[in-house]
Amino acid sequence: MDTIILKMGNMCNLSCRYCSQEHLQKERARADISSALFSFLDEQKDKGVLIQFYGGEPLVYWSVIKHILERYQGSFSYMMVTNGTLLKKEYVDLFNKHNVRCLVSHDGMHTRRTKGKDILKSKRIVQLLHSLDNMEFISVISKENSRIDVLYDFYRHIGFGDTQVNLVFLVTHGSRGQ
């Protein structure tokens, strides 16, 4: 086994136009973790396995992420896709301590239109992103955001020129898609 994907839940603090999970977001964020999960993780630790925190927005479930990182220090590699809006210094410090690979969802200059909020307009969030040791962007390529060269220029222009950008192409559009 190479990867364990922990679906934290469906809660999210944004309503991205292309989100396929929006209809699932009616649950409340919970902080409980099943003993079966811990038993399973106990069996997998120190085997070179990657744990991927997945959501909704995983940072809505911060207490669970923090508990797993602290309980299994050095036993796993970690990755998380986040919209970055809930990022705090405490989170960055723990992510850096455990070398969590943070893929920050951002759609370049069209982010406000696709997500309703652009985290790169916040100096506080930009500073936190720069202080992450292992951060990449993940950008959805859609009709608003189809020029990849323009996307890379955008990140370079705002000081993230050395940051890796992962591309997600929308093949079909849902009822809200763009």
N, C-alpha and C. Protein backbone atom coordinates (compact mmCIF):
# COMPACT_ATOMS: atom_id res chain seq x y z
N MET A 1 0.85 -1.16 0.00
CA MET A 1 0.00 0.00 0.00
C MET A 1 0.90 1.23 0.00
N ASP A 2 0.58 2.16 -0.89
CA ASP A 2 1.38 3.38 -1.00
C ASP A 2 0.72 4.59 -0.36
N THR A 3 -0.61 4.68 -0.48
CA THR A 3 -1.33 5.88 -0.05
C THR A 3 -2.60 5.52 0.69
N ILE A 4 -2.85 6.25 1.77
CA ILE A 4 -4.11 6.18 2.49
C ILE A 4 -4.76 7.55 2.36
N ILE A 5 -5.93 7.60 1.76
CA ILE A 5 -6.66 8.87 1.63
C ILE A 5 -7.67 8.94 2.75
N LEU A 6 -7.50 9.94 3.61
CA LEU A 6 -8.44 10.14 4.71
C LEU A 6 -9.42 11.23 4.30
N LYS A 7 -10.62 10.83 3.97
CA LYS A 7 -11.66 11.79 3.63
C LYS A 7 -12.17 12.34 4.95
N MET A 8 -11.77 13.57 5.24
CA MET A 8 -12.06 14.17 6.53
C MET A 8 -13.56 14.42 6.71
N GLY A 9 -14.23 14.72 5.64
CA GLY A 9 -15.66 15.01 5.63
C GLY A 9 -15.98 15.84 4.41
N ASN A 10 -17.18 16.36 4.35
CA ASN A 10 -17.61 17.14 3.20
C ASN A 10 -17.70 18.64 3.45
N MET A 11 -17.52 19.06 4.69
CA MET A 11 -17.65 20.48 5.01
C MET A 11 -16.58 21.30 4.29
N CYS A 12 -17.01 22.47 3.80
CA CYS A 12 -16.10 23.40 3.15
C CYS A 12 -16.59 24.81 3.43
N ASN A 13 -15.68 25.74 3.45
CA ASN A 13 -16.03 27.13 3.73
C ASN A 13 -16.16 27.96 2.45
N LEU A 14 -16.04 27.33 1.28
CA LEU A 14 -16.21 28.02 0.01
C LEU A 14 -17.29 27.31 -0.82
N SER A 15 -17.68 27.95 -1.89
CA SER A 15 -18.62 27.35 -2.84
C SER A 15 -18.07 27.53 -4.25
N CYS A 16 -17.04 26.77 -4.56
CA CYS A 16 -16.39 26.89 -5.87
C CYS A 16 -17.37 26.50 -6.97
N ARG A 17 -17.33 27.23 -8.06
CA ARG A 17 -18.28 27.01 -9.15
C ARG A 17 -18.20 25.62 -9.74
N TYR A 18 -17.04 25.02 -9.74
CA TYR A 18 -16.86 23.72 -10.37
C TYR A 18 -16.88 22.56 -9.38
N CYS A 19 -17.18 22.84 -8.12
CA CYS A 19 -17.10 21.81 -7.09
C CYS A 19 -18.13 20.71 -7.32
N SER A 20 -17.66 19.48 -7.25
CA SER A 20 -18.57 18.34 -7.39
C SER A 20 -19.06 17.85 -6.03
N GLN A 21 -18.64 18.49 -4.95
CA GLN A 21 -19.01 18.03 -3.61
C GLN A 21 -20.01 18.96 -2.91
N GLU A 22 -20.40 20.05 -3.57
CA GLU A 22 -21.22 21.04 -2.89
C GLU A 22 -22.49 20.44 -2.29
N HIS A 23 -23.13 19.56 -2.99
CA HIS A 23 -24.38 18.97 -2.49
C HIS A 23 -24.17 18.09 -1.25
N LEU A 24 -22.93 17.79 -0.92
CA LEU A 24 -22.61 16.95 0.23
C LEU A 24 -22.28 17.74 1.49
N GLN A 25 -22.23 19.06 1.41
CA GLN A 25 -21.68 19.88 2.49
C GLN A 25 -22.61 20.16 3.65
N LYS A 26 -23.71 19.50 3.76
CA LYS A 26 -24.68 19.83 4.80
C LYS A 26 -24.35 19.22 6.17
N GLU A 27 -23.36 18.37 6.25
CA GLU A 27 -22.99 17.76 7.52
C GLU A 27 -22.31 18.77 8.44
N ARG A 28 -22.24 18.44 9.69
CA ARG A 28 -21.48 19.25 10.64
C ARG A 28 -20.07 18.66 10.75
N ALA A 29 -19.10 19.53 10.98
CA ALA A 29 -17.73 19.06 11.18
C ALA A 29 -17.67 18.33 12.51
N ARG A 30 -17.08 17.16 12.51
CA ARG A 30 -16.96 16.35 13.72
C ARG A 30 -15.49 16.12 14.03
N ALA A 31 -15.19 15.97 15.28
CA ALA A 31 -13.80 15.80 15.69
C ALA A 31 -13.51 14.39 16.20
N ASP A 32 -14.46 13.46 16.03
CA ASP A 32 -14.22 12.12 16.54
C ASP A 32 -13.54 11.26 15.47
N ILE A 33 -12.75 10.33 15.93
CA ILE A 33 -12.03 9.44 15.04
C ILE A 33 -12.30 8.02 15.50
N SER A 34 -12.61 7.15 14.57
CA SER A 34 -12.94 5.78 14.97
C SER A 34 -11.70 5.03 15.42
N SER A 35 -11.90 4.14 16.37
CA SER A 35 -10.78 3.32 16.85
C SER A 35 -10.30 2.38 15.74
N ALA A 36 -11.20 2.01 14.82
CA ALA A 36 -10.81 1.15 13.69
C ALA A 36 -9.78 1.86 12.82
N LEU A 37 -9.93 3.17 12.63
CA LEU A 37 -8.95 3.92 11.84
C LEU A 37 -7.59 3.88 12.53
N PHE A 38 -7.56 4.13 13.83
CA PHE A 38 -6.29 4.10 14.55
C PHE A 38 -5.65 2.71 14.50
N SER A 39 -6.44 1.68 14.63
CA SER A 39 -5.90 0.32 14.53
C SER A 39 -5.27 0.09 13.17
N PHE A 40 -5.96 0.53 12.13
CA PHE A 40 -5.44 0.39 10.77
C PHE A 40 -4.15 1.18 10.60
N LEU A 41 -4.15 2.46 11.04
CA LEU A 41 -2.95 3.29 10.91
C LEU A 41 -1.79 2.71 11.73
N ASP A 42 -2.09 2.16 12.91
CA ASP A 42 -1.04 1.54 13.72
C ASP A 42 -0.36 0.40 12.96
N GLU A 43 -1.13 -0.35 12.18
CA GLU A 43 -0.58 -1.46 11.39
C GLU A 43 0.27 -0.97 10.22
N GLN A 44 -0.03 0.23 9.71
CA GLN A 44 0.65 0.74 8.51
C GLN A 44 1.84 1.65 8.79
N LYS A 45 2.00 2.07 10.02
CA LYS A 45 3.07 3.03 10.31
C LYS A 45 4.45 2.45 10.03
N ASP A 46 5.35 3.35 9.68
CA ASP A 46 6.74 3.01 9.38
C ASP A 46 6.90 2.08 8.18
N LYS A 47 5.94 2.11 7.24
CA LYS A 47 6.02 1.30 6.03
C LYS A 47 6.15 2.17 4.78
N GLY A 48 6.47 3.45 4.96
CA GLY A 48 6.64 4.34 3.81
C GLY A 48 5.33 4.76 3.16
N VAL A 49 4.26 4.77 3.92
CA VAL A 49 2.93 5.09 3.39
C VAL A 49 2.67 6.59 3.47
N LEU A 50 2.00 7.10 2.45
CA LEU A 50 1.58 8.50 2.41
C LEU A 50 0.14 8.60 2.89
N ILE A 51 -0.12 9.52 3.82
CA ILE A 51 -1.50 9.83 4.22
C ILE A 51 -1.86 11.14 3.54
N GLN A 52 -2.98 11.09 2.81
CA GLN A 52 -3.48 12.29 2.14
C GLN A 52 -4.76 12.74 2.84
N PHE A 53 -4.74 13.96 3.38
CA PHE A 53 -5.93 14.54 4.00
C PHE A 53 -6.77 15.16 2.89
N TYR A 54 -8.01 14.76 2.82
CA TYR A 54 -8.90 15.13 1.73
C TYR A 54 -10.20 15.62 2.34
N GLY A 55 -10.94 16.48 1.64
CA GLY A 55 -12.20 16.99 2.19
C GLY A 55 -13.30 16.96 1.17
N GLY A 56 -14.18 17.82 1.22
CA GLY A 56 -14.41 19.18 1.65
C GLY A 56 -13.11 19.96 1.78
N GLU A 57 -13.09 20.76 2.79
CA GLU A 57 -11.89 21.52 3.15
C GLU A 57 -11.28 20.86 4.39
N PRO A 58 -10.14 20.18 4.25
CA PRO A 58 -9.56 19.46 5.38
C PRO A 58 -9.31 20.32 6.62
N LEU A 59 -8.97 21.60 6.44
CA LEU A 59 -8.66 22.42 7.62
C LEU A 59 -9.88 22.69 8.49
N VAL A 60 -11.09 22.42 7.99
CA VAL A 60 -12.29 22.49 8.83
C VAL A 60 -12.16 21.44 9.94
N TYR A 61 -11.41 20.41 9.68
CA TYR A 61 -11.23 19.30 10.61
C TYR A 61 -9.84 19.36 11.27
N TRP A 62 -9.40 20.54 11.60
CA TRP A 62 -8.04 20.75 12.11
C TRP A 62 -7.72 19.86 13.31
N SER A 63 -8.62 19.73 14.25
CA SER A 63 -8.30 18.97 15.46
C SER A 63 -7.96 17.51 15.14
N VAL A 64 -8.62 16.95 14.14
CA VAL A 64 -8.34 15.57 13.73
C VAL A 64 -6.97 15.49 13.06
N ILE A 65 -6.69 16.42 12.14
CA ILE A 65 -5.39 16.45 11.46
C ILE A 65 -4.27 16.59 12.47
N LYS A 66 -4.43 17.53 13.39
CA LYS A 66 -3.41 17.76 14.41
C LYS A 66 -3.17 16.51 15.25
N HIS A 67 -4.24 15.84 15.63
CA HIS A 67 -4.13 14.63 16.43
C HIS A 67 -3.35 13.54 15.69
N ILE A 68 -3.66 13.35 14.41
CA ILE A 68 -2.97 12.32 13.62
C ILE A 68 -1.49 12.67 13.46
N LEU A 69 -1.20 13.94 13.13
CA LEU A 69 0.20 14.35 12.96
C LEU A 69 1.00 14.15 14.24
N GLU A 70 0.41 14.51 15.36
CA GLU A 70 1.13 14.38 16.63
C GLU A 70 1.25 12.93 17.10
N ARG A 71 0.23 12.16 16.84
CA ARG A 71 0.25 10.74 17.26
C ARG A 71 1.26 9.92 16.46
N TYR A 72 1.36 10.20 15.17
CA TYR A 72 2.19 9.38 14.28
C TYR A 72 3.43 10.12 13.79
N GLN A 73 4.04 10.90 14.64
CA GLN A 73 5.23 11.67 14.27
C GLN A 73 6.26 10.79 13.58
N GLY A 74 6.59 11.14 12.33
CA GLY A 74 7.63 10.44 11.60
C GLY A 74 7.24 9.07 11.05
N SER A 75 6.01 8.62 11.30
CA SER A 75 5.59 7.28 10.86
C SER A 75 5.03 7.25 9.45
N PHE A 76 4.63 8.40 8.93
CA PHE A 76 4.02 8.50 7.61
C PHE A 76 4.56 9.74 6.91
N SER A 77 4.34 9.79 5.59
CA SER A 77 4.46 11.04 4.83
C SER A 77 3.05 11.60 4.74
N TYR A 78 2.95 12.92 4.56
CA TYR A 78 1.63 13.55 4.56
C TYR A 78 1.47 14.51 3.39
N MET A 79 0.23 14.60 2.90
CA MET A 79 -0.13 15.54 1.86
C MET A 79 -1.56 16.01 2.11
N MET A 80 -1.83 17.26 1.72
CA MET A 80 -3.18 17.78 1.89
C MET A 80 -3.47 18.78 0.78
N VAL A 81 -4.69 18.72 0.24
CA VAL A 81 -5.17 19.74 -0.68
C VAL A 81 -6.08 20.65 0.13
N THR A 82 -5.82 21.95 0.08
CA THR A 82 -6.57 22.92 0.87
C THR A 82 -6.85 24.16 0.05
N ASN A 83 -7.94 24.86 0.37
CA ASN A 83 -8.17 26.15 -0.29
C ASN A 83 -7.37 27.25 0.39
N GLY A 84 -6.78 26.98 1.54
CA GLY A 84 -5.88 27.91 2.20
C GLY A 84 -6.52 29.02 3.00
N THR A 85 -7.82 29.16 2.93
CA THR A 85 -8.48 30.29 3.59
C THR A 85 -8.42 30.20 5.11
N LEU A 86 -8.32 29.01 5.65
CA LEU A 86 -8.32 28.83 7.11
C LEU A 86 -6.92 28.71 7.70
N LEU A 87 -5.91 28.90 6.89
CA LEU A 87 -4.52 28.73 7.32
C LEU A 87 -4.17 29.68 8.46
N LYS A 88 -3.47 29.15 9.45
CA LYS A 88 -2.99 29.91 10.61
C LYS A 88 -1.54 29.55 10.86
N LYS A 89 -0.84 30.39 11.59
CA LYS A 89 0.58 30.14 11.90
C LYS A 89 0.76 28.80 12.61
N GLU A 90 -0.13 28.48 13.53
CA GLU A 90 -0.06 27.20 14.25
C GLU A 90 -0.08 26.03 13.26
N TYR A 91 -0.93 26.12 12.24
CA TYR A 91 -1.03 25.05 11.24
C TYR A 91 0.27 24.95 10.45
N VAL A 92 0.78 26.10 10.01
CA VAL A 92 2.02 26.13 9.23
C VAL A 92 3.16 25.52 10.04
N ASP A 93 3.26 25.89 11.30
CA ASP A 93 4.33 25.36 12.15
C ASP A 93 4.26 23.83 12.24
N LEU A 94 3.05 23.30 12.44
CA LEU A 94 2.91 21.85 12.54
C LEU A 94 3.15 21.17 11.19
N PHE A 95 2.69 21.79 10.10
CA PHE A 95 2.94 21.23 8.77
C PHE A 95 4.43 21.19 8.47
N ASN A 96 5.14 22.25 8.82
CA ASN A 96 6.59 22.27 8.59
C ASN A 96 7.30 21.23 9.47
N LYS A 97 6.86 21.09 10.70
CA LYS A 97 7.47 20.11 11.61
C LYS A 97 7.33 18.69 11.06
N HIS A 98 6.19 18.40 10.41
CA HIS A 98 5.92 17.05 9.91
C HIS A 98 6.06 16.94 8.39
N ASN A 99 6.64 17.97 7.78
CA ASN A 99 6.88 18.00 6.34
C ASN A 99 5.64 17.64 5.52
N VAL A 100 4.52 18.26 5.87
CA VAL A 100 3.27 18.03 5.14
C VAL A 100 3.35 18.78 3.81
N ARG A 101 3.11 18.06 2.73
CA ARG A 101 3.07 18.66 1.39
C ARG A 101 1.68 19.28 1.22
N CYS A 102 1.63 20.61 1.15
CA CYS A 102 0.36 21.34 1.04
C CYS A 102 0.12 21.77 -0.40
N LEU A 103 -0.92 21.24 -1.01
CA LEU A 103 -1.34 21.67 -2.33
C LEU A 103 -2.47 22.66 -2.13
N VAL A 104 -2.20 23.92 -2.46
CA VAL A 104 -3.16 24.99 -2.23
C VAL A 104 -3.93 25.24 -3.52
N SER A 105 -5.24 25.05 -3.43
CA SER A 105 -6.11 25.23 -4.59
C SER A 105 -6.27 26.72 -4.88
N HIS A 106 -5.83 27.13 -6.06
CA HIS A 106 -5.91 28.53 -6.48
C HIS A 106 -5.93 28.56 -8.00
N ASP A 107 -6.82 29.35 -8.56
CA ASP A 107 -7.01 29.34 -10.02
C ASP A 107 -6.47 30.58 -10.70
N GLY A 108 -5.37 31.11 -10.16
CA GLY A 108 -4.75 32.27 -10.80
C GLY A 108 -5.61 33.50 -10.70
N MET A 109 -5.53 34.33 -11.73
CA MET A 109 -6.22 35.62 -11.69
C MET A 109 -7.74 35.50 -11.68
N HIS A 110 -8.27 34.31 -11.94
CA HIS A 110 -9.73 34.12 -11.98
C HIS A 110 -10.28 33.48 -10.70
N THR A 111 -9.46 33.40 -9.68
CA THR A 111 -9.86 32.71 -8.46
C THR A 111 -11.09 33.33 -7.81
N ARG A 112 -11.19 34.64 -7.76
CA ARG A 112 -12.35 35.26 -7.14
C ARG A 112 -13.63 34.82 -7.85
N ARG A 113 -13.55 34.70 -9.16
CA ARG A 113 -14.73 34.30 -9.93
C ARG A 113 -15.07 32.82 -9.72
N THR A 114 -14.06 31.96 -9.69
CA THR A 114 -14.33 30.53 -9.56
C THR A 114 -14.59 30.09 -8.13
N LYS A 115 -13.97 30.75 -7.16
CA LYS A 115 -14.10 30.34 -5.76
C LYS A 115 -14.87 31.32 -4.89
N GLY A 116 -15.03 32.55 -5.36
CA GLY A 116 -15.70 33.56 -4.56
C GLY A 116 -14.76 34.32 -3.64
N LYS A 117 -13.55 33.85 -3.49
CA LYS A 117 -12.57 34.48 -2.61
C LYS A 117 -11.17 34.17 -3.13
N ASP A 118 -10.29 35.17 -3.07
CA ASP A 118 -8.91 34.98 -3.52
C ASP A 118 -7.98 35.15 -2.34
N ILE A 119 -7.40 34.04 -1.87
CA ILE A 119 -6.54 34.07 -0.68
C ILE A 119 -5.28 34.90 -0.91
N LEU A 120 -4.88 35.07 -2.17
CA LEU A 120 -3.65 35.82 -2.44
C LEU A 120 -3.87 37.32 -2.34
N LYS A 121 -5.07 37.75 -2.04
CA LYS A 121 -5.35 39.17 -1.75
C LYS A 121 -5.11 39.48 -0.28
N SER A 122 -4.91 38.45 0.52
CA SER A 122 -4.66 38.61 1.96
C SER A 122 -3.16 38.54 2.22
N LYS A 123 -2.58 39.63 2.71
CA LYS A 123 -1.15 39.64 3.02
C LYS A 123 -0.81 38.59 4.07
N ARG A 124 -1.69 38.40 5.04
CA ARG A 124 -1.47 37.41 6.09
C ARG A 124 -1.37 36.00 5.49
N ILE A 125 -2.29 35.65 4.61
CA ILE A 125 -2.27 34.32 4.00
C ILE A 125 -1.04 34.16 3.10
N VAL A 126 -0.72 35.19 2.32
CA VAL A 126 0.46 35.12 1.45
C VAL A 126 1.72 34.88 2.28
N GLN A 127 1.85 35.58 3.41
CA GLN A 127 3.01 35.37 4.29
C GLN A 127 3.03 33.93 4.81
N LEU A 128 1.86 33.41 5.18
CA LEU A 128 1.80 32.03 5.67
C LEU A 128 2.18 31.04 4.57
N LEU A 129 1.70 31.28 3.35
CA LEU A 129 2.04 30.40 2.24
C LEU A 129 3.55 30.40 1.99
N HIS A 130 4.15 31.59 2.04
CA HIS A 130 5.61 31.68 1.84
C HIS A 130 6.37 30.98 2.97
N SER A 131 5.77 30.87 4.14
CA SER A 131 6.47 30.24 5.26
C SER A 131 6.29 28.71 5.29
N LEU A 132 5.43 28.17 4.42
CA LEU A 132 5.30 26.72 4.32
C LEU A 132 6.55 26.15 3.63
N ASP A 133 7.13 25.12 4.19
CA ASP A 133 8.32 24.51 3.61
C ASP A 133 8.03 23.69 2.36
N ASN A 134 6.80 23.18 2.25
CA ASN A 134 6.47 22.25 1.17
C ASN A 134 5.09 22.61 0.61
N MET A 135 5.04 23.66 -0.21
CA MET A 135 3.77 24.19 -0.73
C MET A 135 3.80 24.23 -2.24
N GLU A 136 2.68 23.84 -2.83
CA GLU A 136 2.48 23.91 -4.28
C GLU A 136 1.07 24.44 -4.52
N PHE A 137 0.86 24.98 -5.70
CA PHE A 137 -0.50 25.35 -6.09
C PHE A 137 -1.10 24.22 -6.91
N ILE A 138 -2.41 24.09 -6.83
CA ILE A 138 -3.16 23.21 -7.71
C ILE A 138 -4.24 24.08 -8.35
N SER A 139 -4.23 24.16 -9.66
CA SER A 139 -5.11 25.10 -10.39
C SER A 139 -6.00 24.34 -11.35
N VAL A 140 -7.29 24.66 -11.29
CA VAL A 140 -8.25 24.07 -12.23
C VAL A 140 -8.21 24.88 -13.52
N ILE A 141 -8.04 24.17 -14.62
CA ILE A 141 -8.03 24.80 -15.94
C ILE A 141 -9.44 24.68 -16.50
N SER A 142 -10.05 25.83 -16.73
CA SER A 142 -11.43 25.87 -17.24
C SER A 142 -11.49 26.93 -18.34
N LYS A 143 -12.68 27.23 -18.81
CA LYS A 143 -12.77 28.22 -19.90
C LYS A 143 -12.29 29.59 -19.45
N GLU A 144 -12.45 29.95 -18.17
CA GLU A 144 -11.94 31.24 -17.68
C GLU A 144 -10.42 31.23 -17.51
N ASN A 145 -9.86 30.06 -17.35
CA ASN A 145 -8.48 29.92 -16.93
C ASN A 145 -7.74 28.96 -17.86
N SER A 146 -7.84 29.17 -19.16
CA SER A 146 -7.33 28.18 -20.10
C SER A 146 -5.91 28.45 -20.59
N ARG A 147 -5.37 29.64 -20.35
CA ARG A 147 -4.02 29.96 -20.81
C ARG A 147 -3.01 29.63 -19.72
N ILE A 148 -2.38 28.49 -19.86
CA ILE A 148 -1.45 28.01 -18.85
C ILE A 148 -0.24 28.94 -18.72
N ASP A 149 0.24 29.49 -19.83
CA ASP A 149 1.37 30.40 -19.77
C ASP A 149 1.03 31.65 -18.95
N VAL A 150 -0.21 32.13 -19.08
CA VAL A 150 -0.66 33.30 -18.32
C VAL A 150 -0.75 32.94 -16.83
N LEU A 151 -1.19 31.73 -16.54
CA LEU A 151 -1.28 31.26 -15.15
C LEU A 151 0.10 31.24 -14.50
N TYR A 152 1.08 30.66 -15.17
CA TYR A 152 2.45 30.63 -14.63
C TYR A 152 3.01 32.04 -14.46
N ASP A 153 2.76 32.91 -15.43
CA ASP A 153 3.21 34.30 -15.32
C ASP A 153 2.57 34.99 -14.12
N PHE A 154 1.31 34.71 -13.87
CA PHE A 154 0.59 35.29 -12.73
C PHE A 154 1.30 34.93 -11.43
N TYR A 155 1.59 33.64 -11.22
CA TYR A 155 2.26 33.22 -9.98
C TYR A 155 3.67 33.80 -9.88
N ARG A 156 4.37 33.83 -10.97
CA ARG A 156 5.72 34.40 -10.98
C ARG A 156 5.67 35.88 -10.61
N HIS A 157 4.71 36.61 -11.16
CA HIS A 157 4.58 38.06 -10.93
C HIS A 157 4.28 38.39 -9.47
N ILE A 158 3.59 37.51 -8.75
CA ILE A 158 3.23 37.80 -7.36
C ILE A 158 4.18 37.14 -6.36
N GLY A 159 5.32 36.66 -6.83
CA GLY A 159 6.35 36.18 -5.92
C GLY A 159 6.37 34.69 -5.67
N PHE A 160 5.63 33.92 -6.46
CA PHE A 160 5.62 32.47 -6.31
C PHE A 160 6.21 31.79 -7.54
N GLY A 161 7.22 32.41 -8.14
CA GLY A 161 7.80 31.89 -9.37
C GLY A 161 8.48 30.54 -9.24
N ASP A 162 8.98 30.21 -8.03
CA ASP A 162 9.65 28.93 -7.82
C ASP A 162 8.70 27.86 -7.31
N THR A 163 7.43 28.19 -7.16
CA THR A 163 6.45 27.26 -6.61
C THR A 163 5.89 26.39 -7.73
N GLN A 164 5.82 25.10 -7.48
CA GLN A 164 5.26 24.18 -8.47
C GLN A 164 3.77 24.42 -8.60
N VAL A 165 3.26 24.31 -9.83
CA VAL A 165 1.83 24.45 -10.10
C VAL A 165 1.35 23.14 -10.71
N ASN A 166 0.36 22.52 -10.08
CA ASN A 166 -0.25 21.29 -10.57
C ASN A 166 -1.54 21.68 -11.29
N LEU A 167 -1.79 21.10 -12.43
CA LEU A 167 -2.94 21.48 -13.25
C LEU A 167 -4.01 20.39 -13.22
N VAL A 168 -5.26 20.82 -13.06
CA VAL A 168 -6.42 19.94 -13.12
C VAL A 168 -7.27 20.43 -14.28
N PHE A 169 -7.50 19.58 -15.26
CA PHE A 169 -8.30 19.98 -16.42
C PHE A 169 -9.73 19.49 -16.25
N LEU A 170 -10.69 20.42 -16.41
CA LEU A 170 -12.11 20.05 -16.41
C LEU A 170 -12.42 19.46 -17.77
N VAL A 171 -12.78 18.21 -17.80
CA VAL A 171 -13.11 17.54 -19.05
C VAL A 171 -14.56 17.78 -19.41
N THR A 172 -15.45 17.67 -18.42
CA THR A 172 -16.87 17.98 -18.62
C THR A 172 -17.27 18.98 -17.57
N HIS A 173 -18.34 19.67 -17.81
CA HIS A 173 -18.84 20.68 -16.89
C HIS A 173 -20.14 20.23 -16.29
N GLY A 174 -20.25 20.32 -14.97
CA GLY A 174 -21.51 20.02 -14.29
C GLY A 174 -22.47 21.18 -14.44
N SER A 175 -23.56 21.12 -13.71
CA SER A 175 -24.59 22.17 -13.83
C SER A 175 -24.09 23.53 -13.42
N ARG A 176 -23.10 23.59 -12.49
CA ARG A 176 -22.55 24.86 -12.06
C ARG A 176 -21.21 25.14 -12.73
N GLY A 177 -20.68 24.16 -13.47
CA GLY A 177 -19.31 24.20 -13.98
C GLY A 177 -19.00 25.39 -14.84
N GLN A 178 -17.74 25.72 -14.84
CA GLN A 178 -17.18 26.78 -15.70
C GLN A 178 -15.72 26.47 -15.84
